[in-house]
C-alpha atoms as a PDB file:
ATOM      1  CA  MET A   1     -14.314 -64.240  -2.446  1.00  0.00           C
ATOM      2  CA  THR A   2     -17.953 -64.682  -3.287  1.00  0.00           C
ATOM      3  CA  THR A   3     -19.939 -62.628  -5.694  1.00  0.00           C
ATOM      4  CA  LEU A   4     -22.099 -61.266  -2.768  1.00  0.00           C
ATOM      5  CA  SER A   5     -18.767 -60.187  -0.878  1.00  0.00           C
ATOM      6  CA  LEU A   6     -17.319 -58.433  -3.919  1.00  0.00           C
ATOM      7  CA  ALA A   7     -20.647 -56.600  -4.554  1.00  0.00           C
ATOM      8  CA  CYS A   8     -20.707 -55.300  -0.830  1.00  0.00           C
ATOM      9  CA  GLY A   9     -17.173 -54.207  -1.023  1.00  0.00           C
ATOM     10  CA  VAL A  10     -17.954 -52.243  -4.227  1.00  0.00           C
ATOM     11  CA  GLN A  11     -20.786 -50.771  -2.680  1.00  0.00           C
ATOM     12  CA  ARG A  12     -19.045 -49.693   0.593  1.00  0.00           C
ATOM     13  CA  MET A  13     -16.250 -48.028  -1.612  1.00  0.00           C
ATOM     14  CA  SER A  14     -18.873 -46.188  -3.726  1.00  0.00           C
ATOM     15  CA  ARG A  15     -20.552 -44.818  -0.504  1.00  0.00           C
ATOM     16  CA  LEU A  16     -16.985 -43.766   0.642  1.00  0.00           C
ATOM     17  CA  ILE A  17     -16.211 -42.028  -2.650  1.00  0.00           C
ATOM     18  CA  LEU A  18     -19.675 -40.278  -2.539  1.00  0.00           C
ATOM     19  CA  PHE A  19     -19.165 -39.332   1.034  1.00  0.00           C
ATOM     20  CA  SER A  20     -15.638 -37.668   0.357  1.00  0.00           C
ATOM     21  CA  PHE A  21     -17.131 -35.937  -2.763  1.00  0.00           C
ATOM     22  CA  VAL A  22     -20.180 -34.491  -0.595  1.00  0.00           C
ATOM     23  CA  ALA A  23     -17.578 -33.502   2.114  1.00  0.00           C
ATOM     24  CA  LEU A  24     -15.438 -31.642  -0.430  1.00  0.00           C
ATOM     25  CA  LEU A  25     -18.398 -29.783  -1.826  1.00  0.00           C
ATOM     26  CA  THR A  26     -19.564 -28.971   1.709  1.00  0.00           C
ATOM     27  CA  ILE A  27     -16.135 -27.257   2.562  1.00  0.00           C
ATOM     28  CA  SER A  28     -16.016 -25.403  -0.848  1.00  0.00           C
ATOM     29  CA  ALA A  29     -19.619 -24.194  -0.138  1.00  0.00           C
ATOM     30  CA  SER A  30     -18.778 -23.010   3.468  1.00  0.00           C
ATOM     31  CA  GLN A  31     -15.666 -21.099   2.157  1.00  0.00           C
ATOM     32  CA  ALA A  32     -17.599 -19.446  -0.498  1.00  0.00           C
ATOM     33  CA  SER A  33     -20.409 -18.703   1.960  1.00  0.00           C
ATOM     34  CA  ALA A  34     -17.977 -16.980   4.248  1.00  0.00           C
ATOM     35  CA  ASN A  35     -16.848 -14.729   1.307  1.00  0.00           C
ATOM     36  CA  ILE A  36     -13.146 -15.197   2.304  1.00  0.00           C
ATOM     37  CA  PRO A  37     -10.869 -12.165   1.022  1.00  0.00           C
ATOM     38  CA  SER A  38      -9.192 -12.997  -2.237  1.00  0.00           C
ATOM     39  CA  PRO A  39      -5.850 -11.405  -3.113  1.00  0.00           C
ATOM     40  CA  ASN A  40      -6.757 -11.888  -6.883  1.00  0.00           C
ATOM     41  CA  LEU A  41     -10.125 -10.249  -6.615  1.00  0.00           C
ATOM     42  CA  SER A  42      -9.393  -7.463  -4.139  1.00  0.00           C
ATOM     43  CA  SER A  43      -7.850  -4.081  -5.273  1.00  0.00           C
ATOM     44  CA  VAL A  44      -4.864  -2.749  -3.473  1.00  0.00           C
ATOM     45  CA  PRO A  45      -2.795   0.042  -4.916  1.00  0.00           C
ATOM     46  CA  ASP A  46       0.887  -0.902  -5.376  1.00  0.00           C
ATOM     47  CA  ALA A  47       2.014   2.383  -3.956  1.00  0.00           C
ATOM     48  CA  ILE A  48       1.597   4.054  -0.795  1.00  0.00           C
ATOM     49  CA  SER A  49       1.988   7.753  -1.529  1.00  0.00           C
ATOM     50  CA  LEU A  50       2.807  10.025   1.472  1.00  0.00           C
ATOM     51  CA  SER A  51       1.759  13.640   1.464  1.00  0.00           C
ATOM     52  CA  PRO A  52       4.536  15.942   3.253  1.00  0.00           C
ATOM     53  CA  GLY A  53       1.996  18.229   4.851  1.00  0.00           C
ATOM     54  CA  THR A  54      -1.555  19.103   4.029  1.00  0.00           C
ATOM     55  CA  ARG A  55      -3.057  17.270   1.105  1.00  0.00           C
ATOM     56  CA  PHE A  56      -4.676  18.980  -1.970  1.00  0.00           C
ATOM     57  CA  THR A  57      -8.153  18.585  -2.966  1.00  0.00           C
ATOM     58  CA  ALA A  58      -8.705  15.711  -5.786  1.00  0.00           C
ATOM     59  CA  ASN A  59      -5.128  14.719  -5.422  1.00  0.00           C
ATOM     60  CA  PRO A  60      -4.502  11.102  -4.687  1.00  0.00           C
ATOM     61  CA  VAL A  61      -1.166  11.796  -2.755  1.00  0.00           C
ATOM     62  CA  GLY A  62      -1.568  11.001   0.827  1.00  0.00           C
ATOM     63  CA  GLY A  63      -4.611   8.670   0.427  1.00  0.00           C
ATOM     64  CA  TYR A  64      -4.652   4.901   0.175  1.00  0.00           C
ATOM     65  CA  THR A  65      -7.824   3.028  -0.236  1.00  0.00           C
ATOM     66  CA  VAL A  66      -8.061  -0.813  -0.091  1.00  0.00           C
ATOM     67  CA  HIS A  67     -11.015  -2.861  -1.670  1.00  0.00           C
ATOM     68  CA  VAL A  68     -11.523  -6.193  -0.325  1.00  0.00           C
ATOM     69  CA  GLU A  69     -13.269  -8.671  -2.423  1.00  0.00           C
ATOM     70  CA  GLY A  70     -14.461 -12.298  -2.061  1.00  0.00           C
ATOM     71  CA  PRO A  71     -15.900 -14.984  -4.356  1.00  0.00           C
ATOM     72  CA  LEU A  72     -19.370 -13.428  -3.485  1.00  0.00           C
ATOM     73  CA  GLY A  73     -18.401  -9.856  -3.982  1.00  0.00           C
ATOM     74  CA  PRO A  74     -17.210  -6.901  -1.577  1.00  0.00           C
ATOM     75  CA  VAL A  75     -16.345  -8.047   1.933  1.00  0.00           C
ATOM     76  CA  SER A  76     -17.983  -5.994   4.493  1.00  0.00           C
ATOM     77  CA  GLY A  77     -16.373  -5.769   7.946  1.00  0.00           C
ATOM     78  CA  SER A  78     -13.185  -7.216   6.862  1.00  0.00           C
ATOM     79  CA  PHE A  79     -10.228  -6.121   9.289  1.00  0.00           C
ATOM     80  CA  VAL A  80      -7.467  -4.661   7.128  1.00  0.00           C
ATOM     81  CA  GLU A  81      -3.962  -3.944   8.343  1.00  0.00           C
ATOM     82  CA  VAL A  82      -1.381  -1.979   6.485  1.00  0.00           C
ATOM     83  CA  GLU A  83       2.000  -2.620   8.018  1.00  0.00           C
ATOM     84  CA  VAL A  84       5.293  -0.916   7.137  1.00  0.00           C
ATOM     85  CA  SER A  85       8.038  -3.114   7.932  1.00  0.00           C
ATOM     86  CA  PRO A  86      10.598  -2.068  10.803  1.00  0.00           C
ATOM     87  CA  ASP A  87      13.524  -1.424   8.274  1.00  0.00           C
ATOM     88  CA  ALA A  88      11.293   0.724   6.018  1.00  0.00           C
ATOM     89  CA  ASP A  89       9.666   2.501   8.922  1.00  0.00           C
ATOM     90  CA  ALA A  90      13.158   3.649  10.055  1.00  0.00           C
ATOM     91  CA  LEU A  91      13.868   5.311   6.805  1.00  0.00           C
ATOM     92  CA  VAL A  92      10.477   7.338   6.244  1.00  0.00           C
ATOM     93  CA  SER A  93      10.155  10.875   7.219  1.00  0.00           C
ATOM     94  CA  TRP A  94       6.847  10.733   9.202  1.00  0.00           C
ATOM     95  CA  CYS A  95       5.063  14.079   9.971  1.00  0.00           C
ATOM     96  CA  VAL A  96       4.385  15.623  12.921  1.00  0.00           C
ATOM     97  CA  GLY A  97       0.653  17.030  12.913  1.00  0.00           C
ATOM     98  CA  ASN A  98       0.064  20.731  12.261  1.00  0.00           C
ATOM     99  CA  THR A  99      -3.176  22.863  11.742  1.00  0.00           C
ATOM    100  CA  LYS A 100      -1.428  25.057   8.990  1.00  0.00           C
ATOM    101  CA  PRO A 101      -1.961  25.278   6.169  1.00  0.00           C
ATOM    102  CA  ALA A 102      -5.661  24.579   6.720  1.00  0.00           C
ATOM    103  CA  PRO A 103      -7.119  22.115   7.070  1.00  0.00           C
ATOM    104  CA  GLY A 104      -3.886  20.808   8.307  1.00  0.00           C
ATOM    105  CA  TYR A 105      -3.147  17.144   8.988  1.00  0.00           C
ATOM    106  CA  PRO A 106      -2.704  14.794  12.126  1.00  0.00           C
ATOM    107  CA  THR A 107       0.660  13.322  13.427  1.00  0.00           C
ATOM    108  CA  GLN A 108       1.034  10.282  11.423  1.00  0.00           C
ATOM    109  CA  VAL A 109       0.551   6.866  13.235  1.00  0.00           C
ATOM    110  CA  HIS A 110       2.984   4.307  12.117  1.00  0.00           C
ATOM    111  CA  PRO A 111       4.119   1.692  11.306  1.00  0.00           C
ATOM    112  CA  LEU A 112       0.675  -0.018  11.484  1.00  0.00           C
ATOM    113  CA  LEU A 113      -2.882   1.353  10.412  1.00  0.00           C
ATOM    114  CA  THR A 114      -5.936  -0.694  10.784  1.00  0.00           C
ATOM    115  CA  GLY A 115      -9.479  -0.296   9.783  1.00  0.00           C
ATOM    116  CA  PHE A 116     -12.665  -2.148   8.833  1.00  0.00           C
ATOM    117  CA  THR A 117     -14.115  -2.179   5.316  1.00  0.00           C
ATOM    118  CA  ASP A 118     -17.497  -0.711   4.753  1.00  0.00           C
ATOM    119  CA  ALA A 119     -20.622  -2.284   3.063  1.00  0.00           C
ATOM    120  CA  ASN A 120     -18.732  -1.786  -0.274  1.00  0.00           C
ATOM    121  CA  GLY A 121     -15.698  -3.484   0.780  1.00  0.00           C
ATOM    122  CA  ASN A 122     -13.545  -0.266   0.997  1.00  0.00           C
ATOM    123  CA  VAL A 123     -11.473   1.161   3.857  1.00  0.00           C
ATOM    124  CA  SER A 124      -9.543   4.352   3.400  1.00  0.00           C
ATOM    125  CA  PHE A 125      -6.266   5.553   5.171  1.00  0.00           C
ATOM    126  CA  THR A 126      -4.157   8.763   5.063  1.00  0.00           C
ATOM    127  CA  TYR A 127      -0.422   8.996   5.057  1.00  0.00           C
ATOM    128  CA  TYR A 128       1.732  12.157   5.762  1.00  0.00           C
ATOM    129  CA  GLY A 129       5.443  11.915   5.267  1.00  0.00           C
ATOM    130  CA  GLY A 130       8.222  11.977   2.936  1.00  0.00           C
ATOM    131  CA  GLY A 131      10.815   9.498   1.282  1.00  0.00           C
ATOM    132  CA  CYS A 132      10.801   6.833  -1.333  1.00  0.00           C
ATOM    133  CA  LEU A 133      11.336   3.136  -0.783  1.00  0.00           C
ATOM    134  CA  SER A 134      10.965   1.231  -4.011  1.00  0.00           C
ATOM    135  CA  LEU A 135      11.466  -2.367  -4.335  1.00  0.00           C
ATOM    136  CA  ASN A 136      14.223  -1.855  -6.734  1.00  0.00           C
ATOM    137  CA  ASP A 137      16.624  -0.264  -4.323  1.00  0.00           C
ATOM    138  CA  PHE A 138      15.289  -1.239  -0.906  1.00  0.00           C
ATOM    139  CA  ALA A 139      17.784  -3.833   0.701  1.00  0.00           C
ATOM    140  CA  GLY A 140      15.899  -4.084   4.080  1.00  0.00           C
ATOM    141  CA  ALA A 141      13.365  -6.747   4.906  1.00  0.00           C
ATOM    142  CA  THR A 142      11.452  -8.827   2.567  1.00  0.00           C
ATOM    143  CA  PHE A 143       8.849  -6.364   1.911  1.00  0.00           C
ATOM    144  CA  VAL A 144       8.466  -2.602   2.424  1.00  0.00           C
ATOM    145  CA  ALA A 145       4.875  -2.625   3.417  1.00  0.00           C
ATOM    146  CA  GLN A 146       2.204  -5.359   3.522  1.00  0.00           C
ATOM    147  CA  VAL A 147      -1.554  -5.205   3.355  1.00  0.00           C
ATOM    148  CA  ARG A 148      -3.672  -7.865   5.051  1.00  0.00           C
ATOM    149  CA  ALA A 149      -7.345  -8.577   5.226  1.00  0.00           C
ATOM    150  CA  ASP A 150      -8.431 -10.916   8.011  1.00  0.00           C
ATOM    151  CA  GLY A 151      -4.870 -12.015   8.205  1.00  0.00           C
ATOM    152  CA  ILE A 152      -4.619 -12.849   4.490  1.00  0.00           C
ATOM    153  CA  VAL A 153      -1.850 -10.948   2.467  1.00  0.00           C
ATOM    154  CA  LEU A 154      -3.382  -9.037  -0.228  1.00  0.00           C
ATOM    155  CA  ASP A 155      -0.254  -7.048  -1.499  1.00  0.00           C
ATOM    156  CA  GLU A 156       3.036  -5.706  -0.646  1.00  0.00           C
ATOM    157  CA  PRO A 157       3.313  -2.145  -1.875  1.00  0.00           C
ATOM    158  CA  PHE A 158       6.143   0.260  -2.070  1.00  0.00           C
ATOM    159  CA  ILE A 159       6.308   3.810  -0.757  1.00  0.00           C
ATOM    160  CA  ASN A 160       6.776   7.028  -2.477  1.00  0.00           C
ATOM    161  CA  SER A 161       6.152  10.990  -1.867  1.00  0.00           C
ATOM    162  CA  PRO A 162       6.676  14.220  -3.781  1.00  0.00           C
ATOM    163  CA  ASP A 163       9.410  14.536  -1.114  1.00  0.00           C
ATOM    164  CA  ALA A 164      11.491  11.736  -2.624  1.00  0.00           C
ATOM    165  CA  VAL A 165      15.175  12.949  -1.977  1.00  0.00           C
ATOM    166  CA  ASP A 166      16.589  15.154   0.699  1.00  0.00           C
ATOM    167  CA  ALA A 167      18.114  18.573  -0.016  1.00  0.00           C
ATOM    168  CA  THR A 168      21.477  17.050  -1.523  1.00  0.00           C
ATOM    169  CA  GLY A 169      19.415  14.777  -3.876  1.00  0.00           C
ATOM    170  CA  LYS A 170      19.841  11.460  -2.075  1.00  0.00           C
ATOM    171  CA  LYS A 171      17.035   9.050  -1.370  1.00  0.00           C
ATOM    172  CA  ALA A 172      17.049   7.612   2.148  1.00  0.00           C
ATOM    173  CA  THR A 173      18.178   4.153   0.581  1.00  0.00           C
ATOM    174  CA  ASN A 174      21.360   5.986  -0.551  1.00  0.00           C
ATOM    175  CA  GLY A 175      23.589   5.732   2.534  1.00  0.00           C
ATOM    176  CA  PRO A 176      24.458   7.091   4.848  1.00  0.00           C
ATOM    177  CA  GLN A 177      20.785   7.117   5.788  1.00  0.00           C
ATOM    178  CA  ARG A 178      19.215  10.598   6.394  1.00  0.00           C
ATOM    179  CA  ARG A 179      15.469  10.636   7.022  1.00  0.00           C
ATOM    180  CA  CYS A 180      14.881  14.357   7.397  1.00  0.00           C
ATOM    181  CA  ASP A 181      16.220  17.780   6.206  1.00  0.00           C
ATOM    182  CA  VAL A 182      17.446  20.246   8.802  1.00  0.00           C
ATOM    183  CA  VAL A 183      15.746  23.525   8.251  1.00  0.00           C
ATOM    184  CA  SER A 184      16.446  26.376  10.625  1.00  0.00           C
ATOM    185  CA  LEU A 185      17.534  23.551  13.107  1.00  0.00           C
ATOM    186  CA  VAL A 186      14.274  21.542  12.717  1.00  0.00           C
ATOM    187  CA  ASN A 187      14.164  18.147  11.267  1.00  0.00           C
ATOM    188  CA  THR A 188      11.810  18.650   8.213  1.00  0.00           C
ATOM    189  CA  ALA A 189      10.312  16.593   5.430  1.00  0.00           C
ATOM    190  CA  GLN A 190      10.156  19.143   2.550  1.00  0.00           C
ATOM    191  CA  VAL A 191       9.448  19.283  -1.299  1.00  0.00           C
ATOM    192  CA  SER A 192      12.570  21.221  -2.217  1.00  0.00           C
ATOM    193  CA  LEU A 193      14.511  22.010  -5.482  1.00  0.00           C
ATOM    194  CA  ALA A 194      16.247  18.781  -5.129  1.00  0.00           C
ATOM    195  CA  ASP A 195      12.993  17.031  -5.503  1.00  0.00           C
ATOM    196  CA  ALA A 196      11.867  19.067  -8.368  1.00  0.00           C
ATOM    197  CA  VAL A 197      15.173  18.154 -10.238  1.00  0.00           C
ATOM    198  CA  PHE A 198      14.730  14.409  -9.397  1.00  0.00           C
ATOM    199  CA  HIS A 199      11.245  14.237 -10.666  1.00  0.00           C
ATOM    200  CA  SER A 200      11.785  16.101 -13.692  1.00  0.00           C
ATOM    201  CA  ARG A 201      13.658  13.780 -15.811  1.00  0.00           C
ATOM    202  CA  PRO A 202      11.220  10.822 -15.571  1.00  0.00           C
ATOM    203  CA  ILE A 203       8.251  13.396 -16.422  1.00  0.00           C
ATOM    204  CA  LYS A 204      10.154  14.780 -19.282  1.00  0.00           C
ATOM    205  CA  LEU A 205      11.182  11.344 -20.674  1.00  0.00           C
ATOM    206  CA  GLY A 206       8.333   9.349 -19.576  1.00  0.00           C
ATOM    207  CA  LEU A 207      10.550   7.002 -17.670  1.00  0.00           C
ATOM    208  CA  ARG A 208       9.464   4.063 -15.243  1.00  0.00           C
ATOM    209  CA  GLU A 209      10.222   5.825 -11.980  1.00  0.00           C
ATOM    210  CA  PRO A 210       8.380   4.362  -8.774  1.00  0.00           C
ATOM    211  CA  CYS A 211       9.423   7.434  -6.909  1.00  0.00           C
ATOM    212  CA  SER A 212       7.581   9.670  -9.261  1.00  0.00           C
ATOM    213  CA  LYS A 213       4.551   7.424 -10.022  1.00  0.00           C
ATOM    214  CA  PHE A 214       1.522   8.563  -8.203  1.00  0.00           C
ATOM    215  CA  SER A 215      -1.253   6.975 -10.428  1.00  0.00           C
ATOM    216  CA  PRO A 216      -1.989   3.493 -11.589  1.00  0.00           C
ATOM    217  CA  PRO A 217      -0.571   1.410 -12.996  1.00  0.00           C
ATOM    218  CA  PHE A 218       2.122   2.035 -10.680  1.00  0.00           C
ATOM    219  CA  ASN A 219       4.704  -0.263 -12.500  1.00  0.00           C
ATOM    220  CA  GLY A 220       4.075   1.987 -15.652  1.00  0.00           C
ATOM    221  CA  SER A 221       5.888   5.038 -17.043  1.00  0.00           C
ATOM    222  CA  VAL A 222       5.435   8.313 -15.406  1.00  0.00           C
ATOM    223  CA  SER A 223       2.629  10.362 -16.989  1.00  0.00           C
ATOM    224  CA  VAL A 224       0.942  13.843 -17.420  1.00  0.00           C
ATOM    225  CA  ALA A 225      -1.202  12.698 -14.561  1.00  0.00           C
ATOM    226  CA  ASP A 226       1.683  12.313 -12.157  1.00  0.00           C
ATOM    227  CA  ALA A 227       3.218  15.642 -13.101  1.00  0.00           C
ATOM    228  CA  THR A 228      -0.079  17.214 -12.506  1.00  0.00           C
ATOM    229  CA  PHE A 229      -0.395  15.686  -8.779  1.00  0.00           C
ATOM    230  CA  LEU A 230       3.248  16.577  -8.283  1.00  0.00           C
ATOM    231  CA  THR A 231       2.964  20.319  -9.336  1.00  0.00           C
ATOM    232  CA  PRO A 232       1.217  21.903  -6.269  1.00  0.00           C
ATOM    233  CA  TYR A 233       3.741  20.119  -4.029  1.00  0.00           C
ATOM    234  CA  ILE A 234       6.734  21.481  -5.786  1.00  0.00           C
ATOM    235  CA  LYS A 235       5.129  24.858  -6.500  1.00  0.00           C
ATOM    236  CA  LEU A 236       4.211  25.517  -2.845  1.00  0.00           C
ATOM    237  CA  GLY A 237       7.184  23.611  -1.386  1.00  0.00           C
ATOM    238  CA  ARG A 238       5.066  21.548   0.939  1.00  0.00           C
ATOM    239  CA  LYS A 239       6.787  20.469   4.164  1.00  0.00           C
ATOM    240  CA  CYS A 240       6.166  19.142   7.460  1.00  0.00           C
ATOM    241  CA  THR A 241       8.220  18.567  10.896  1.00  0.00           C
ATOM    242  CA  CYS A 242       9.597  15.085  10.984  1.00  0.00           C
ATOM    243  CA  GLN A 243       8.986  12.779  13.957  1.00  0.00           C
END
């Protein structure tokens, strides 16, 4: 091989490496400019807390806000899906709508809620029902619920509620499965004495109990804040008719 041929080969290889590097930079730049939702940058609550009936003002129970963030900041117009798995959906006491107590609440749509994020990257949903399906004792599908933004999985939260157990003190995951209590021949999701007893121990001892945890961090110990959010539900015995 002549010196000239060798030089030409090296030159071609250098151009190929340069082309590949430029292409890689172009792909990275286009992904960044698209502001693709990032699971690491987005903020998704680890628990979907269900309100068994009308919600209380300044109480997070029943509300669920997803914040979608990308490498360039909040992602506006992102299509967000919050899906409850079929196995979990069958165990939740979803509410039938009612106008009382005011302002009332709608019949809960399930198992899938969708919406688009606003200019700040936020989208909010409301959930009405009862039951607790934590990752510790749910033996159904691979997830209880799944949150996606533009098809990208952001998180897989669990489900809880002030109405964590039935009138006998059993969760829906403690077979035989029983989604709702029967009150005056009507299937009902209600915060009863059994729920008060269930929640009292983790509140008193500051235990880690997903079913009683309504404020972040959701993998932390039950706190005074959680007790505060629970109190009006227990005191007024909030309830709704089950679907």
